[in-house]
Protein backbone atom coordinates (compact mmCIF):
# COMPACT_ATOMS: atom_id res chain seq x y z
CA MET A 1 -7.93 -1.08 6.88
CA GLY A 2 -4.29 -1.95 6.59
CA PRO A 3 -1.05 -0.35 7.77
CA GLN A 4 2.35 -1.24 6.29
CA HIS A 5 2.20 -4.96 5.32
CA GLY A 6 -1.55 -4.87 6.04
CA GLY A 7 -1.75 -2.14 3.45
CA GLY A 8 -0.24 -4.50 0.90
CA ILE A 9 -2.68 -7.23 1.91
CA THR A 10 -5.55 -4.75 1.69
CA LEU A 11 -4.49 -3.77 -1.83
CA ASN A 12 -4.27 -7.42 -2.87
CA ALA A 13 -7.71 -8.11 -1.38
CA ILE A 14 -9.45 -5.28 -3.17
CA VAL A 15 -7.77 -6.15 -6.48
CA ILE A 16 -9.07 -9.71 -6.43
CA GLY A 17 -12.33 -9.31 -4.54
CA ASP A 18 -15.54 -7.42 -5.21
CA LYS A 19 -17.10 -7.58 -1.76
CA VAL A 20 -15.20 -4.69 -0.14
CA ARG A 21 -16.83 -1.28 -0.60
CA ALA A 22 -14.20 0.89 1.15
CA ALA A 23 -10.55 0.37 2.08
CA VAL A 24 -8.05 2.41 4.04
CA ILE A 25 -4.31 2.02 3.37
CA TYR A 26 -2.00 3.59 5.96
CA GLY A 27 1.70 3.73 5.13
CA GLY A 28 1.21 0.67 2.92
CA VAL A 29 3.96 -1.24 1.23
CA SER A 30 4.26 -1.09 -2.55
CA GLY A 31 1.93 -3.04 -4.72
CA ASP A 32 4.96 -3.53 -7.01
CA MET A 33 6.42 -6.77 -5.69
CA ALA A 34 9.90 -6.18 -7.12
CA LYS A 35 10.12 -2.80 -5.40
CA TYR A 36 8.84 -4.27 -2.15
CA TRP A 37 11.20 -7.28 -2.30
CA ASN A 38 14.26 -5.07 -3.01
CA HIS A 39 13.32 -2.58 -0.30
CA ALA A 40 12.63 -5.27 2.34
CA ASN A 41 15.85 -7.08 1.52
CA ALA A 42 17.95 -3.91 1.67
CA MET A 43 16.28 -2.63 4.79
CA TRP A 44 16.09 -5.69 7.00
CA HIS A 45 18.67 -8.17 5.63
CA ARG A 46 16.76 -11.12 7.04
CA ASP A 47 17.79 -14.69 6.44
CA GLU A 48 14.24 -15.48 5.28
CA MET A 49 14.90 -13.30 2.27
CA ASN A 50 17.83 -15.53 1.24
CA GLY A 51 15.67 -18.62 1.54
CA ALA A 52 12.90 -17.05 -0.54
CA ALA A 53 15.42 -15.95 -3.14
CA GLU A 54 16.90 -19.42 -3.38
CA ARG A 55 13.49 -21.05 -3.68
CA PHE A 56 11.58 -18.53 -5.84
CA GLY A 57 14.20 -16.26 -7.30
CA THR A 58 14.73 -12.51 -6.93
CA PRO A 59 13.07 -9.78 -9.04
CA ALA A 60 16.30 -9.73 -11.11
CA ASP A 61 15.98 -13.52 -11.70
CA ARG A 62 12.26 -13.60 -12.43
CA PRO A 63 11.02 -10.15 -13.45
CA ASP A 64 7.96 -11.47 -15.27
CA GLY A 65 6.85 -13.41 -12.19
CA TYR A 66 7.18 -10.41 -9.94
CA THR A 67 5.26 -8.29 -12.46
CA LYS A 68 2.46 -10.83 -12.61
CA MET A 69 2.02 -10.88 -8.84
CA SER A 70 2.09 -7.12 -8.45
CA ALA A 71 -1.28 -5.69 -7.44
CA LEU A 72 -0.38 -2.30 -8.96
CA ASN A 73 -0.76 -3.91 -12.39
CA TYR A 74 -4.37 -4.85 -11.69
CA VAL A 75 -5.92 -1.74 -10.09
CA LYS A 76 -8.46 -1.57 -12.94
CA HIS A 77 -10.30 -4.39 -11.17
CA ILE A 78 -10.75 -2.46 -7.89
CA GLN A 79 -14.34 -1.65 -7.08
CA ALA A 80 -13.81 -0.27 -3.55
CA ALA A 81 -13.34 3.40 -2.69
CA VAL A 82 -9.74 3.78 -1.37
CA SER A 83 -8.37 6.21 1.20
CA ILE A 84 -4.56 6.40 1.38
CA HIS A 85 -2.71 7.96 4.35
CA HIS A 86 1.07 8.29 4.66
CA GLY A 87 3.59 10.30 6.65
CA THR A 88 6.10 12.15 4.44
CA ALA A 89 8.93 11.27 6.86
CA ASP A 90 8.10 7.56 7.07
CA GLU A 91 11.35 5.74 7.87
CA GLN A 92 9.92 2.29 7.10
CA VAL A 93 7.91 2.59 3.85
CA PRO A 94 8.77 5.16 1.17
CA TYR A 95 6.12 7.90 0.90
CA ALA A 96 6.44 7.78 -2.89
CA TRP A 97 4.82 4.35 -2.87
CA SER A 98 1.52 5.90 -1.72
CA GLU A 99 1.82 8.54 -4.41
CA GLU A 100 2.34 5.89 -7.05
CA LEU A 101 -0.70 3.95 -5.82
CA ARG A 102 -2.79 7.13 -5.87
CA ASP A 103 -1.66 7.97 -9.39
CA ARG A 104 -2.38 4.46 -10.67
CA LEU A 105 -5.86 4.50 -9.14
CA LEU A 106 -6.60 7.99 -10.56
CA ALA A 107 -5.40 6.88 -14.03
CA ALA A 108 -7.76 3.90 -13.80
CA GLY A 109 -10.66 6.22 -12.91
CA LYS A 110 -11.06 4.84 -9.38
CA ASP A 111 -12.57 6.52 -6.31
CA VAL A 112 -9.47 7.48 -4.30
CA GLU A 113 -8.43 10.07 -1.74
CA HIS A 114 -4.88 10.58 -0.60
CA PHE A 115 -3.64 12.35 2.52
CA ALA A 116 -0.06 13.26 3.20
CA TYR A 117 1.01 13.96 6.78
CA PRO A 118 3.91 16.40 6.51
CA GLY A 119 6.82 15.40 8.71
CA ALA A 120 5.01 12.38 10.18
CA ARG A 121 6.91 9.18 10.58
CA HIS A 122 5.65 5.62 10.09
CA SER A 123 3.47 5.48 13.22
CA PHE A 124 1.24 8.47 13.62
CA THR A 125 1.10 10.15 17.03
CA GLY A 126 -0.52 13.21 18.56
CA ALA A 127 -2.38 15.55 16.20
CA ASP A 128 -1.51 13.38 13.14
CA ARG A 129 -3.10 10.33 14.74
CA THR A 130 -6.23 12.33 15.72
CA LEU A 131 -6.58 13.77 12.24
CA PHE A 132 -5.99 10.35 10.65
CA LEU A 133 -8.75 8.74 12.78
CA GLU A 134 -11.13 11.57 12.03
CA ARG A 135 -10.52 11.19 8.28
CA VAL A 136 -10.96 7.44 8.42
CA ALA A 137 -14.19 7.68 10.32
CA ALA A 138 -15.55 10.23 7.86
CA PHE A 139 -14.43 8.08 4.90
CA PHE A 140 -16.21 5.01 6.23
CA ASP A 141 -19.30 7.05 7.11
CA ARG A 142 -19.46 8.29 3.49
CA HIS A 143 -18.93 4.90 1.86
CA LEU A 144 -20.51 2.40 4.25
CA ARG A 145 -23.71 4.10 5.46
C-alpha cells in the first residue's frame, strides 16, 4: 500500500514485478514522470530539483527519457489487482492523476477499483479515513485470502 510518493513507488513495483497480488494506491503521484517532475518543481521549488535538472535534464530537455521511465506507459505488465483511493480536494496531488491511472488500467484490461472521496483533502480524517480503511481491508480480504 502506498500513499503519495509511496503510491508512485507501488505503481513502479507492480509494473516491474510479478510477485504482488494486490496493491492499494492512496493519493498517489502520477506515473507520468514528466507530469510528476513539473508538478513537484512548481509546488515545492526545492534546490534538489535544480541539481537533478542540471544532472539529468528536465522533461523539456529529455522528453524521451521521461517517457521511458514513466510507469503509466507499462501498465500492461501489471498482474496485481489495484485499488485506487483519492480525495477530490487533495491539495498535494492532483485528483486527475488517479483518474488517469484508473483509465489506463481499465484500457489495459486490468483488475482495478477506484474510489473518490468527495471534498477530502490529501490526508483522510474522520469518516473518510474509516471508509478508506474498511475498503482496503475488504480489498485485501478478496484478493489475498
